[in-house]
Every structure is written in structure tokens, then in C-alpha cells.
Amino acid sequence: MTRFFLIIALFVLFAISACERGDNDLDKNFAIAYAELRIAEREYGETENGKTVRYEIMQRYEMDADVFEEKIKEIKNKPEKWLEFQNMVIAILDSTENYIKAELDSVAKSTKAKKGT
């Protein structure tokens, strides 16, 4: 059920940001994934749970580390795009951080339960 609400919240956020910013070539789903990965890293660090949660986020957005790094490199090559991307990520973090933390805690607990620890 919480995944359903997360999907709805992210869809609403995506729709709002699309209306506010107009058309651009930055991938909003990638910005949302980047925000989730930043929160996961901050919450779990380099622990085993942290690695698992980040892996699951990448899977949800159908990318691996190579795709992620390539996309970041592509955005960073153009300072104006990097600034726009960072502003997008900050807006996402500001509006969804508490909800995403709750979702990540749920994923971590679920992962622990699956492993039996």
C-alpha cells in the first residue's frame, strides 16, 4: 500500500514540476531517482542495508551504476544543465524527503526480514 502512495506522490510531483518548468530535456524521473539515492546514502551510508536499498532504487528506475554515472557525466558537462538539475533535485527533496525516508525504512525492514536478521 505504501508503494502505491509513493507512486501517486511522485506522479503528482512530476506533474507539478512539469507544469512549473515547462518543456526541457532533463529527465525528471532521473532527478527523482537521484534524490532517492541521495537520501538512501545519507540515511544508511555504506552499510549492507544501504547498498541493498540503493540497488533496489536503481532497479525500480531500470538503471545500473554505469547508466547512472553516464547520465550524471552528461548533465555535469553542461554547467547550466547541472544547475537546473540540482535545483530540480532540491525541489524534490524539499517536498518529498520525509515520505521517501519512510519508504526506505520500509524497504530496509523488508530486506532484513527476507534475510532473517
PDB file of N, CA and C in Angstrom:
ATOM      1  N   MET A   1       0.817  -1.190   0.000  1.00  0.00           N
ATOM      2  CA  MET A   1       0.000   0.000   0.000  1.00  0.00           C
ATOM      3  C   MET A   1       0.862   1.255   0.000  1.00  0.00           C
ATOM      4  N   THR A   2       1.968   1.249   0.779  1.00  0.00           N
ATOM      5  CA  THR A   2       2.818   2.448   0.810  1.00  0.00           C
ATOM      6  C   THR A   2       3.465   2.692  -0.542  1.00  0.00           C
ATOM      7  N   ARG A   3       3.774   1.649  -1.272  1.00  0.00           N
ATOM      8  CA  ARG A   3       4.346   1.836  -2.613  1.00  0.00           C
ATOM      9  C   ARG A   3       3.328   2.549  -3.517  1.00  0.00           C
ATOM     10  N   PHE A   4       2.053   2.223  -3.360  1.00  0.00           N
ATOM     11  CA  PHE A   4       1.016   2.882  -4.137  1.00  0.00           C
ATOM     12  C   PHE A   4       1.021   4.381  -3.850  1.00  0.00           C
ATOM     13  N   PHE A   5       1.081   4.756  -2.580  1.00  0.00           N
ATOM     14  CA  PHE A   5       1.099   6.173  -2.221  1.00  0.00           C
ATOM     15  C   PHE A   5       2.367   6.853  -2.703  1.00  0.00           C
ATOM     16  N   LEU A   6       3.498   6.146  -2.671  1.00  0.00           N
ATOM     17  CA  LEU A   6       4.746   6.712  -3.181  1.00  0.00           C
ATOM     18  C   LEU A   6       4.613   6.988  -4.676  1.00  0.00           C
ATOM     19  N   ILE A   7       4.063   6.057  -5.404  1.00  0.00           N
ATOM     20  CA  ILE A   7       3.888   6.245  -6.838  1.00  0.00           C
ATOM     21  C   ILE A   7       2.977   7.436  -7.104  1.00  0.00           C
ATOM     22  N   ILE A   8       1.890   7.530  -6.364  1.00  0.00           N
ATOM     23  CA  ILE A   8       0.967   8.662  -6.531  1.00  0.00           C
ATOM     24  C   ILE A   8       1.667   9.974  -6.197  1.00  0.00           C
ATOM     25  N   ALA A   9       2.396  10.009  -5.071  1.00  0.00           N
ATOM     26  CA  ALA A   9       3.093  11.236  -4.665  1.00  0.00           C
ATOM     27  C   ALA A   9       4.117  11.654  -5.715  1.00  0.00           C
ATOM     28  N   LEU A  10       4.870  10.699  -6.229  1.00  0.00           N
ATOM     29  CA  LEU A  10       5.873  11.025  -7.233  1.00  0.00           C
ATOM     30  C   LEU A  10       5.217  11.458  -8.543  1.00  0.00           C
ATOM     31  N   PHE A  11       4.102  10.844  -8.892  1.00  0.00           N
ATOM     32  CA  PHE A  11       3.395  11.260 -10.098  1.00  0.00           C
ATOM     33  C   PHE A  11       2.899  12.695  -9.964  1.00  0.00           C
ATOM     34  N   VAL A  12       2.317  13.014  -8.808  1.00  0.00           N
ATOM     35  CA  VAL A  12       1.837  14.382  -8.577  1.00  0.00           C
ATOM     36  C   VAL A  12       3.007  15.356  -8.634  1.00  0.00           C
ATOM     37  N   LEU A  13       4.101  14.996  -7.980  1.00  0.00           N
ATOM     38  CA  LEU A  13       5.284  15.851  -8.005  1.00  0.00           C
ATOM     39  C   LEU A  13       5.778  16.038  -9.432  1.00  0.00           C
ATOM     40  N   PHE A  14       5.818  14.960 -10.208  1.00  0.00           N
ATOM     41  CA  PHE A  14       6.250  15.036 -11.596  1.00  0.00           C
ATOM     42  C   PHE A  14       5.334  15.968 -12.388  1.00  0.00           C
ATOM     43  N   ALA A  15       4.043  15.828 -12.190  1.00  0.00           N
ATOM     44  CA  ALA A  15       3.092  16.662 -12.922  1.00  0.00           C
ATOM     45  C   ALA A  15       3.235  18.128 -12.539  1.00  0.00           C
ATOM     46  N   ILE A  16       3.408  18.389 -11.246  1.00  0.00           N
ATOM     47  CA  ILE A  16       3.568  19.772 -10.791  1.00  0.00           C
ATOM     48  C   ILE A  16       4.842  20.370 -11.360  1.00  0.00           C
ATOM     49  N   SER A  17       5.936  19.632 -11.274  1.00  0.00           N
ATOM     50  CA  SER A  17       7.198  20.183 -11.773  1.00  0.00           C
ATOM     51  C   SER A  17       7.150  20.374 -13.283  1.00  0.00           C
ATOM     52  N   ALA A  18       6.447  19.513 -14.006  1.00  0.00           N
ATOM     53  CA  ALA A  18       6.320  19.680 -15.452  1.00  0.00           C
ATOM     54  C   ALA A  18       5.559  20.955 -15.771  1.00  0.00           C
ATOM     55  N   CYS A  19       4.545  21.238 -14.997  1.00  0.00           N
ATOM     56  CA  CYS A  19       3.773  22.464 -15.221  1.00  0.00           C
ATOM     57  C   CYS A  19       4.591  23.698 -14.874  1.00  0.00           C
ATOM     58  N   GLU A  20       5.358  23.630 -13.802  1.00  0.00           N
ATOM     59  CA  GLU A  20       6.127  24.788 -13.364  1.00  0.00           C
ATOM     60  C   GLU A  20       7.288  25.105 -14.294  1.00  0.00           C
ATOM     61  N   ARG A  21       7.928  24.099 -14.815  1.00  0.00           N
ATOM     62  CA  ARG A  21       9.150  24.307 -15.569  1.00  0.00           C
ATOM     63  C   ARG A  21       8.944  24.326 -17.078  1.00  0.00           C
ATOM     64  N   GLY A  22       7.821  23.846 -17.541  1.00  0.00           N
ATOM     65  CA  GLY A  22       7.627  23.771 -18.979  1.00  0.00           C
ATOM     66  C   GLY A  22       8.460  22.633 -19.556  1.00  0.00           C
ATOM     67  N   ASP A  23       8.592  22.614 -20.866  1.00  0.00           N
ATOM     68  CA  ASP A  23       9.357  21.552 -21.508  1.00  0.00           C
ATOM     69  C   ASP A  23      10.842  21.790 -21.341  1.00  0.00           C
ATOM     70  N   ASN A  24      11.561  20.748 -21.010  1.00  0.00           N
ATOM     71  CA  ASN A  24      13.022  20.777 -21.005  1.00  0.00           C
ATOM     72  C   ASN A  24      13.509  19.366 -21.259  1.00  0.00           C
ATOM     73  N   ASP A  25      14.789  19.245 -21.511  1.00  0.00           N
ATOM     74  CA  ASP A  25      15.291  17.930 -21.863  1.00  0.00           C
ATOM     75  C   ASP A  25      15.896  17.186 -20.679  1.00  0.00           C
ATOM     76  N   LEU A  26      15.737  17.702 -19.473  1.00  0.00           N
ATOM     77  CA  LEU A  26      16.196  16.975 -18.302  1.00  0.00           C
ATOM     78  C   LEU A  26      15.146  15.937 -17.915  1.00  0.00           C
ATOM     79  N   ASP A  27      15.601  14.762 -17.566  1.00  0.00           N
ATOM     80  CA  ASP A  27      14.731  13.658 -17.211  1.00  0.00           C
ATOM     81  C   ASP A  27      14.281  13.796 -15.753  1.00  0.00           C
ATOM     82  N   LYS A  28      13.030  14.090 -15.540  1.00  0.00           N
ATOM     83  CA  LYS A  28      12.501  14.280 -14.184  1.00  0.00           C
ATOM     84  C   LYS A  28      12.528  12.985 -13.385  1.00  0.00           C
ATOM     85  N   ASN A  29      12.288  11.846 -14.047  1.00  0.00           N
ATOM     86  CA  ASN A  29      12.378  10.564 -13.341  1.00  0.00           C
ATOM     87  C   ASN A  29      13.792  10.316 -12.837  1.00  0.00           C
ATOM     88  N   PHE A  30      14.783  10.719 -13.623  1.00  0.00           N
ATOM     89  CA  PHE A  30      16.162  10.562 -13.182  1.00  0.00           C
ATOM     90  C   PHE A  30      16.433  11.452 -11.977  1.00  0.00           C
ATOM     91  N   ALA A  31      15.879  12.655 -11.978  1.00  0.00           N
ATOM     92  CA  ALA A  31      16.055  13.566 -10.838  1.00  0.00           C
ATOM     93  C   ALA A  31      15.413  12.972  -9.585  1.00  0.00           C
ATOM     94  N   ILE A  32      14.265  12.349  -9.737  1.00  0.00           N
ATOM     95  CA  ILE A  32      13.608  11.705  -8.594  1.00  0.00           C
ATOM     96  C   ILE A  32      14.456  10.541  -8.094  1.00  0.00           C
ATOM     97  N   ALA A  33      14.977   9.729  -9.013  1.00  0.00           N
ATOM     98  CA  ALA A  33      15.843   8.613  -8.623  1.00  0.00           C
ATOM     99  C   ALA A  33      17.088   9.130  -7.910  1.00  0.00           C
ATOM    100  N   TYR A  34      17.689  10.178  -8.442  1.00  0.00           N
ATOM    101  CA  TYR A  34      18.880  10.781  -7.841  1.00  0.00           C
ATOM    102  C   TYR A  34      18.577  11.255  -6.414  1.00  0.00           C
ATOM    103  N   ALA A  35      17.417  11.875  -6.227  1.00  0.00           N
ATOM    104  CA  ALA A  35      17.018  12.341  -4.895  1.00  0.00           C
ATOM    105  C   ALA A  35      16.856  11.160  -3.940  1.00  0.00           C
ATOM    106  N   GLU A  36      16.208  10.104  -4.395  1.00  0.00           N
ATOM    107  CA  GLU A  36      16.041   8.919  -3.552  1.00  0.00           C
ATOM    108  C   GLU A  36      17.392   8.313  -3.189  1.00  0.00           C
ATOM    109  N   LEU A  37      18.306   8.260  -4.155  1.00  0.00           N
ATOM    110  CA  LEU A  37      19.635   7.703  -3.888  1.00  0.00           C
ATOM    111  C   LEU A  37      20.404   8.556  -2.881  1.00  0.00           C
ATOM    112  N   ARG A  38      20.268   9.879  -2.971  1.00  0.00           N
ATOM    113  CA  ARG A  38      20.929  10.769  -2.008  1.00  0.00           C
ATOM    114  C   ARG A  38      20.401  10.546  -0.603  1.00  0.00           C
ATOM    115  N   ILE A  39      19.095  10.407  -0.482  1.00  0.00           N
ATOM    116  CA  ILE A  39      18.505  10.163   0.839  1.00  0.00           C
ATOM    117  C   ILE A  39      18.961   8.809   1.378  1.00  0.00           C
ATOM    118  N   ALA A  40      18.952   7.791   0.529  1.00  0.00           N
ATOM    119  CA  ALA A  40      19.380   6.457   0.960  1.00  0.00           C
ATOM    120  C   ALA A  40      20.834   6.482   1.434  1.00  0.00           C
ATOM    121  N   GLU A  41      21.687   7.177   0.705  1.00  0.00           N
ATOM    122  CA  GLU A  41      23.088   7.246   1.097  1.00  0.00           C
ATOM    123  C   GLU A  41      23.245   7.971   2.434  1.00  0.00           C
ATOM    124  N   ARG A  42      22.501   9.049   2.589  1.00  0.00           N
ATOM    125  CA  ARG A  42      22.588   9.814   3.838  1.00  0.00           C
ATOM    126  C   ARG A  42      22.045   8.999   5.014  1.00  0.00           C
ATOM    127  N   GLU A  43      20.968   8.260   4.801  1.00  0.00           N
ATOM    128  CA  GLU A  43      20.338   7.508   5.884  1.00  0.00           C
ATOM    129  C   GLU A  43      21.102   6.238   6.254  1.00  0.00           C
ATOM    130  N   TYR A  44      21.653   5.542   5.261  1.00  0.00           N
ATOM    131  CA  TYR A  44      22.246   4.230   5.507  1.00  0.00           C
ATOM    132  C   TYR A  44      23.749   4.166   5.279  1.00  0.00           C
ATOM    133  N   GLY A  45      24.331   5.187   4.674  1.00  0.00           N
ATOM    134  CA  GLY A  45      25.769   5.187   4.418  1.00  0.00           C
ATOM    135  C   GLY A  45      26.184   4.008   3.557  1.00  0.00           C
ATOM    136  N   GLU A  46      27.366   3.499   3.841  1.00  0.00           N
ATOM    137  CA  GLU A  46      27.910   2.377   3.060  1.00  0.00           C
ATOM    138  C   GLU A  46      27.665   1.033   3.739  1.00  0.00           C
ATOM    139  N   THR A  47      26.595   0.958   4.513  1.00  0.00           N
ATOM    140  CA  THR A  47      26.249  -0.311   5.167  1.00  0.00           C
ATOM    141  C   THR A  47      25.684  -1.283   4.134  1.00  0.00           C
ATOM    142  N   GLU A  48      25.541  -2.527   4.553  1.00  0.00           N
ATOM    143  CA  GLU A  48      24.959  -3.532   3.661  1.00  0.00           C
ATOM    144  C   GLU A  48      23.516  -3.169   3.315  1.00  0.00           C
ATOM    145  N   ASN A  49      22.765  -2.700   4.308  1.00  0.00           N
ATOM    146  CA  ASN A  49      21.392  -2.255   4.029  1.00  0.00           C
ATOM    147  C   ASN A  49      21.389  -1.094   3.050  1.00  0.00           C
ATOM    148  N   GLY A  50      22.325  -0.170   3.208  1.00  0.00           N
ATOM    149  CA  GLY A  50      22.416   0.976   2.304  1.00  0.00           C
ATOM    150  C   GLY A  50      22.651   0.545   0.875  1.00  0.00           C
ATOM    151  N   LYS A  51      23.558  -0.390   0.695  1.00  0.00           N
ATOM    152  CA  LYS A  51      23.846  -0.887  -0.653  1.00  0.00           C
ATOM    153  C   LYS A  51      22.619  -1.572  -1.251  1.00  0.00           C
ATOM    154  N   THR A  52      21.919  -2.344  -0.427  1.00  0.00           N
ATOM    155  CA  THR A  52      20.729  -3.048  -0.895  1.00  0.00           C
ATOM    156  C   THR A  52      19.632  -2.069  -1.285  1.00  0.00           C
ATOM    157  N   VAL A  53      19.408  -1.072  -0.447  1.00  0.00           N
ATOM    158  CA  VAL A  53      18.367  -0.083  -0.733  1.00  0.00           C
ATOM    159  C   VAL A  53      18.699   0.681  -2.011  1.00  0.00           C
ATOM    160  N   ARG A  54      19.969   1.092  -2.160  1.00  0.00           N
ATOM    161  CA  ARG A  54      20.353   1.820  -3.379  1.00  0.00           C
ATOM    162  C   ARG A  54      20.201   0.934  -4.617  1.00  0.00           C
ATOM    163  N   TYR A  55      20.554  -0.339  -4.499  1.00  0.00           N
ATOM    164  CA  TYR A  55      20.388  -1.273  -5.615  1.00  0.00           C
ATOM    165  C   TYR A  55      18.909  -1.385  -6.002  1.00  0.00           C
ATOM    166  N   GLU A  56      18.031  -1.484  -5.001  1.00  0.00           N
ATOM    167  CA  GLU A  56      16.603  -1.597  -5.287  1.00  0.00           C
ATOM    168  C   GLU A  56      16.055  -0.325  -5.933  1.00  0.00           C
ATOM    169  N   ILE A  57      16.568   0.823  -5.539  1.00  0.00           N
ATOM    170  CA  ILE A  57      16.154   2.081  -6.173  1.00  0.00           C
ATOM    171  C   ILE A  57      16.563   2.068  -7.640  1.00  0.00           C
ATOM    172  N   MET A  58      17.806   1.670  -7.896  1.00  0.00           N
ATOM    173  CA  MET A  58      18.290   1.614  -9.283  1.00  0.00           C
ATOM    174  C   MET A  58      17.440   0.647 -10.108  1.00  0.00           C
ATOM    175  N   GLN A  59      17.088  -0.492  -9.526  1.00  0.00           N
ATOM    176  CA  GLN A  59      16.254  -1.463 -10.237  1.00  0.00           C
ATOM    177  C   GLN A  59      14.883  -0.881 -10.542  1.00  0.00           C
ATOM    178  N   ARG A  60      14.319  -0.149  -9.588  1.00  0.00           N
ATOM    179  CA  ARG A  60      12.997   0.443  -9.779  1.00  0.00           C
ATOM    180  C   ARG A  60      13.001   1.410 -10.954  1.00  0.00           C
ATOM    181  N   TYR A  61      14.116   2.105 -11.150  1.00  0.00           N
ATOM    182  CA  TYR A  61      14.211   3.070 -12.248  1.00  0.00           C
ATOM    183  C   TYR A  61      14.903   2.471 -13.478  1.00  0.00           C
ATOM    184  N   GLU A  62      15.068   1.152 -13.458  1.00  0.00           N
ATOM    185  CA  GLU A  62      15.619   0.396 -14.587  1.00  0.00           C
ATOM    186  C   GLU A  62      16.968   0.943 -15.051  1.00  0.00           C
ATOM    187  N   MET A  63      17.898   1.086 -14.108  1.00  0.00           N
ATOM    188  CA  MET A  63      19.245   1.502 -14.466  1.00  0.00           C
ATOM    189  C   MET A  63      20.240   0.782 -13.571  1.00  0.00           C
ATOM    190  N   ASP A  64      21.474   0.766 -14.041  1.00  0.00           N
ATOM    191  CA  ASP A  64      22.550   0.228 -13.227  1.00  0.00           C
ATOM    192  C   ASP A  64      23.553   1.349 -12.975  1.00  0.00           C
ATOM    193  N   ALA A  65      24.623   1.033 -12.263  1.00  0.00           N
ATOM    194  CA  ALA A  65      25.604   2.061 -11.895  1.00  0.00           C
ATOM    195  C   ALA A  65      26.221   2.724 -13.124  1.00  0.00           C
ATOM    196  N   ASP A  66      26.468   1.954 -14.175  1.00  0.00           N
ATOM    197  CA  ASP A  66      27.066   2.521 -15.386  1.00  0.00           C
ATOM    198  C   ASP A  66      26.138   3.534 -16.058  1.00  0.00           C
ATOM    199  N   VAL A  67      24.867   3.191 -16.158  1.00  0.00           N
ATOM    200  CA  VAL A  67      23.884   4.103 -16.751  1.00  0.00           C
ATOM    201  C   VAL A  67      23.767   5.361 -15.898  1.00  0.00           C
ATOM    202  N   PHE A  68      23.727   5.177 -14.582  1.00  0.00           N
ATOM    203  CA  PHE A  68      23.631   6.305 -13.660  1.00  0.00           C
ATOM    204  C   PHE A  68      24.824   7.246 -13.830  1.00  0.00           C
ATOM    205  N   GLU A  69      26.031   6.696 -13.808  1.00  0.00           N
ATOM    206  CA  GLU A  69      27.245   7.512 -13.928  1.00  0.00           C
ATOM    207  C   GLU A  69      27.320   8.231 -15.274  1.00  0.00           C
ATOM    208  N   GLU A  70      26.904   7.558 -16.327  1.00  0.00           N
ATOM    209  CA  GLU A  70      26.918   8.178 -17.662  1.00  0.00           C
ATOM    210  C   GLU A  70      25.957   9.354 -17.728  1.00  0.00           C
ATOM    211  N   LYS A  71      24.776   9.175 -17.154  1.00  0.00           N
ATOM    212  CA  LYS A  71      23.781  10.249 -17.154  1.00  0.00           C
ATOM    213  C   LYS A  71      24.276  11.449 -16.338  1.00  0.00           C
ATOM    214  N   ILE A  72      24.886  11.197 -15.189  1.00  0.00           N
ATOM    215  CA  ILE A  72      25.437  12.283 -14.360  1.00  0.00           C
ATOM    216  C   ILE A  72      26.546  13.008 -15.119  1.00  0.00           C
ATOM    217  N   LYS A  73      27.417  12.245 -15.748  1.00  0.00           N
ATOM    218  CA  LYS A  73      28.521  12.836 -16.516  1.00  0.00           C
ATOM    219  C   LYS A  73      27.972  13.732 -17.630  1.00  0.00           C
ATOM    220  N   GLU A  74      26.951  13.254 -18.312  1.00  0.00           N
ATOM    221  CA  GLU A  74      26.331  14.008 -19.407  1.00  0.00           C
ATOM    222  C   GLU A  74      25.749  15.336 -18.902  1.00  0.00           C
ATOM    223  N   ILE A  75      25.096  15.296 -17.755  1.00  0.00           N
ATOM    224  CA  ILE A  75      24.497  16.513 -17.190  1.00  0.00           C
ATOM    225  C   ILE A  75      25.582  17.465 -16.693  1.00  0.00           C
ATOM    226  N   LYS A  76      26.607  16.925 -16.035  1.00  0.00           N
ATOM    227  CA  LYS A  76      27.676  17.770 -15.480  1.00  0.00           C
ATOM    228  C   LYS A  76      28.494  18.465 -16.555  1.00  0.00           C
ATOM    229  N   ASN A  77      28.516  17.918 -17.757  1.00  0.00           N
ATOM    230  CA  ASN A  77      29.289  18.524 -18.842  1.00  0.00           C
ATOM    231  C   ASN A  77      28.750  19.888 -19.267  1.00  0.00           C
ATOM    232  N   LYS A  78      27.537  20.193 -18.886  1.00  0.00           N
ATOM    233  CA  LYS A  78      26.929  21.489 -19.219  1.00  0.00           C
ATOM    234  C   LYS A  78      26.514  22.159 -17.918  1.00  0.00           C
ATOM    235  N   PRO A  79      27.299  23.126 -17.446  1.00  0.00           N
ATOM    236  CA  PRO A  79      27.031  23.743 -16.143  1.00  0.00           C
ATOM    237  C   PRO A  79      25.596  24.248 -15.969  1.00  0.00           C
ATOM    238  N   GLU A  80      24.997  24.798 -17.023  1.00  0.00           N
ATOM    239  CA  GLU A  80      23.630  25.300 -16.884  1.00  0.00           C
ATOM    240  C   GLU A  80      22.645  24.151 -16.661  1.00  0.00           C
ATOM    241  N   LYS A  81      22.901  23.008 -17.295  1.00  0.00           N
ATOM    242  CA  LYS A  81      22.056  21.831 -17.078  1.00  0.00           C
ATOM    243  C   LYS A  81      22.255  21.280 -15.671  1.00  0.00           C
ATOM    244  N   TRP A  82      23.523  21.274 -15.207  1.00  0.00           N
ATOM    245  CA  TRP A  82      23.816  20.763 -13.869  1.00  0.00           C
ATOM    246  C   TRP A  82      23.101  21.617 -12.820  1.00  0.00           C
ATOM    247  N   LEU A  83      23.131  22.920 -12.980  1.00  0.00           N
ATOM    248  CA  LEU A  83      22.456  23.812 -12.044  1.00  0.00           C
ATOM    249  C   LEU A  83      20.944  23.575 -12.071  1.00  0.00           C
ATOM    250  N   GLU A  84      20.382  23.468 -13.260  1.00  0.00           N
ATOM    251  CA  GLU A  84      18.952  23.199 -13.389  1.00  0.00           C
ATOM    252  C   GLU A  84      18.601  21.851 -12.755  1.00  0.00           C
ATOM    253  N   PHE A  85      19.427  20.843 -12.999  1.00  0.00           N
ATOM    254  CA  PHE A  85      19.210  19.516 -12.428  1.00  0.00           C
ATOM    255  C   PHE A  85      19.260  19.573 -10.903  1.00  0.00           C
ATOM    256  N   GLN A  86      20.268  20.244 -10.363  1.00  0.00           N
ATOM    257  CA  GLN A  86      20.388  20.349  -8.907  1.00  0.00           C
ATOM    258  C   GLN A  86      19.192  21.079  -8.303  1.00  0.00           C
ATOM    259  N   ASN A  87      18.726  22.120  -8.954  1.00  0.00           N
ATOM    260  CA  ASN A  87      17.539  22.831  -8.474  1.00  0.00           C
ATOM    261  C   ASN A  87      16.316  21.919  -8.484  1.00  0.00           C
ATOM    262  N   MET A  88      16.210  21.090  -9.514  1.00  0.00           N
ATOM    263  CA  MET A  88      15.109  20.136  -9.602  1.00  0.00           C
ATOM    264  C   MET A  88      15.203  19.132  -8.448  1.00  0.00           C
ATOM    265  N   VAL A  89      16.404  18.620  -8.196  1.00  0.00           N
ATOM    266  CA  VAL A  89      16.602  17.647  -7.120  1.00  0.00           C
ATOM    267  C   VAL A  89      16.280  18.285  -5.764  1.00  0.00           C
ATOM    268  N   ILE A  90      16.718  19.516  -5.547  1.00  0.00           N
ATOM    269  CA  ILE A  90      16.440  20.207  -4.281  1.00  0.00           C
ATOM    270  C   ILE A  90      14.934  20.361  -4.084  1.00  0.00           C
ATOM    271  N   ALA A  91      14.226  20.729  -5.135  1.00  0.00           N
ATOM    272  CA  ALA A  91      12.766  20.870  -5.038  1.00  0.00           C
ATOM    273  C   ALA A  91      12.124  19.530  -4.682  1.00  0.00           C
ATOM    274  N   ILE A  92      12.606  18.461  -5.282  1.00  0.00           N
ATOM    275  CA  ILE A  92      12.081  17.128  -4.989  1.00  0.00           C
ATOM    276  C   ILE A  92      12.375  16.761  -3.543  1.00  0.00           C
ATOM    277  N   LEU A  93      13.612  16.987  -3.104  1.00  0.00           N
ATOM    278  CA  LEU A  93      13.981  16.663  -1.723  1.00  0.00           C
ATOM    279  C   LEU A  93      13.141  17.448  -0.727  1.00  0.00           C
ATOM    280  N   ASP A  94      12.974  18.715  -0.992  1.00  0.00           N
ATOM    281  CA  ASP A  94      12.197  19.559  -0.081  1.00  0.00           C
ATOM    282  C   ASP A  94      10.756  19.075   0.052  1.00  0.00           C
ATOM    283  N   SER A  95      10.179  18.598  -1.032  1.00  0.00           N
ATOM    284  CA  SER A  95       8.764  18.248  -1.000  1.00  0.00           C
ATOM    285  C   SER A  95       8.490  16.790  -0.638  1.00  0.00           C
ATOM    286  N   THR A  96       9.477  15.925  -0.746  1.00  0.00           N
ATOM    287  CA  THR A  96       9.192  14.501  -0.548  1.00  0.00           C
ATOM    288  C   THR A  96      10.114  13.789   0.438  1.00  0.00           C
ATOM    289  N   GLU A  97      11.045  14.477   1.045  1.00  0.00           N
ATOM    290  CA  GLU A  97      12.063  13.805   1.858  1.00  0.00           C
ATOM    291  C   GLU A  97      11.478  12.918   2.956  1.00  0.00           C
ATOM    292  N   ASN A  98      10.555  13.421   3.725  1.00  0.00           N
ATOM    293  CA  ASN A  98      10.013  12.608   4.813  1.00  0.00           C
ATOM    294  C   ASN A  98       9.286  11.378   4.299  1.00  0.00           C
ATOM    295  N   TYR A  99       8.569  11.526   3.212  1.00  0.00           N
ATOM    296  CA  TYR A  99       7.851  10.379   2.659  1.00  0.00           C
ATOM    297  C   TYR A  99       8.821   9.315   2.136  1.00  0.00           C
ATOM    298  N   ILE A 100       9.869   9.759   1.448  1.00  0.00           N
ATOM    299  CA  ILE A 100      10.841   8.815   0.902  1.00  0.00           C
ATOM    300  C   ILE A 100      11.589   8.109   2.035  1.00  0.00           C
ATOM    301  N   LYS A 101      11.918   8.827   3.118  1.00  0.00           N
ATOM    302  CA  LYS A 101      12.582   8.190   4.261  1.00  0.00           C
ATOM    303  C   LYS A 101      11.733   7.051   4.808  1.00  0.00           C
ATOM    304  N   ALA A 102      10.444   7.290   4.941  1.00  0.00           N
ATOM    305  CA  ALA A 102       9.549   6.251   5.444  1.00  0.00           C
ATOM    306  C   ALA A 102       9.546   5.047   4.501  1.00  0.00           C
ATOM    307  N   GLU A 103       9.544   5.307   3.208  1.00  0.00           N
ATOM    308  CA  GLU A 103       9.566   4.225   2.226  1.00  0.00           C
ATOM    309  C   GLU A 103      10.881   3.445   2.304  1.00  0.00           C
ATOM    310  N   LEU A 104      11.997   4.148   2.455  1.00  0.00           N
ATOM    311  CA  LEU A 104      13.294   3.478   2.539  1.00  0.00           C
ATOM    312  C   LEU A 104      13.396   2.642   3.806  1.00  0.00           C
ATOM    313  N   ASP A 105      12.857   3.134   4.908  1.00  0.00           N
ATOM    314  CA  ASP A 105      12.832   2.350   6.138  1.00  0.00           C
ATOM    315  C   ASP A 105      12.042   1.066   5.928  1.00  0.00           C
ATOM    316  N   SER A 106      10.935   1.177   5.217  1.00  0.00           N
ATOM    317  CA  SER A 106      10.115   0.010   4.915  1.00  0.00           C
ATOM    318  C   SER A 106      10.889  -1.003   4.068  1.00  0.00           C
ATOM    319  N   VAL A 107      11.604  -0.513   3.068  1.00  0.00           N
ATOM    320  CA  VAL A 107      12.405  -1.398   2.211  1.00  0.00           C
ATOM    321  C   VAL A 107      13.501  -2.080   3.024  1.00  0.00           C
ATOM    322  N   ALA A 108      14.167  -1.316   3.886  1.00  0.00           N
ATOM    323  CA  ALA A 108      15.249  -1.880   4.698  1.00  0.00           C
ATOM    324  C   ALA A 108      14.715  -2.949   5.645  1.00  0.00           C
ATOM    325  N   LYS A 109      13.570  -2.691   6.273  1.00  0.00           N
ATOM    326  CA  LYS A 109      12.969  -3.673   7.180  1.00  0.00           C
ATOM    327  C   LYS A 109      12.560  -4.920   6.419  1.00  0.00           C
ATOM    328  N   SER A 110      12.000  -4.724   5.249  1.00  0.00           N
ATOM    329  CA  SER A 110      11.590  -5.849   4.417  1.00  0.00           C
ATOM    330  C   SER A 110      12.795  -6.692   4.011  1.00  0.00           C
ATOM    331  N   THR A 111      13.884  -6.014   3.661  1.00  0.00           N
ATOM    332  CA  THR A 111      15.107  -6.710   3.271  1.00  0.00           C
ATOM    333  C   THR A 111      15.666  -7.507   4.439  1.00  0.00           C
ATOM    334  N   LYS A 112      15.666  -6.899   5.628  1.00  0.00           N
ATOM    335  CA  LYS A 112      16.151  -7.593   6.829  1.00  0.00           C
ATOM    336  C   LYS A 112      15.302  -8.829   7.108  1.00  0.00           C
ATOM    337  N   ALA A 113      13.998  -8.675   6.977  1.00  0.00           N
ATOM    338  CA  ALA A 113      13.092  -9.794   7.237  1.00  0.00           C
ATOM    339  C   ALA A 113      13.335 -10.926   6.252  1.00  0.00           C
ATOM    340  N   LYS A 114      13.587 -10.594   4.994  1.00  0.00           N
ATOM    341  CA  LYS A 114      13.858 -11.607   3.970  1.00  0.00           C
ATOM    342  C   LYS A 114      15.126 -12.381   4.271  1.00  0.00           C
ATOM    343  N   LYS A 115      16.146 -11.646   4.801  1.00  0.00           N
ATOM    344  CA  LYS A 115      17.429 -12.273   5.113  1.00  0.00           C
ATOM    345  C   LYS A 115      17.400 -12.995   6.450  1.00  0.00           C
ATOM    346  N   GLY A 116      16.350 -12.729   7.261  1.00  0.00           N
ATOM    347  CA  GLY A 116      16.219 -13.405   8.546  1.00  0.00           C
ATOM    348  C   GLY A 116      17.136 -12.848   9.615  1.00  0.00           C
ATOM    349  N   THR A 117      17.523 -11.562   9.488  1.00  0.00           N
ATOM    350  CA  THR A 117      18.387 -10.968  10.518  1.00  0.00           C
ATOM    351  C   THR A 117      17.651  -9.932  11.306  1.00  0.00           C
TER     352      THR A 117
END
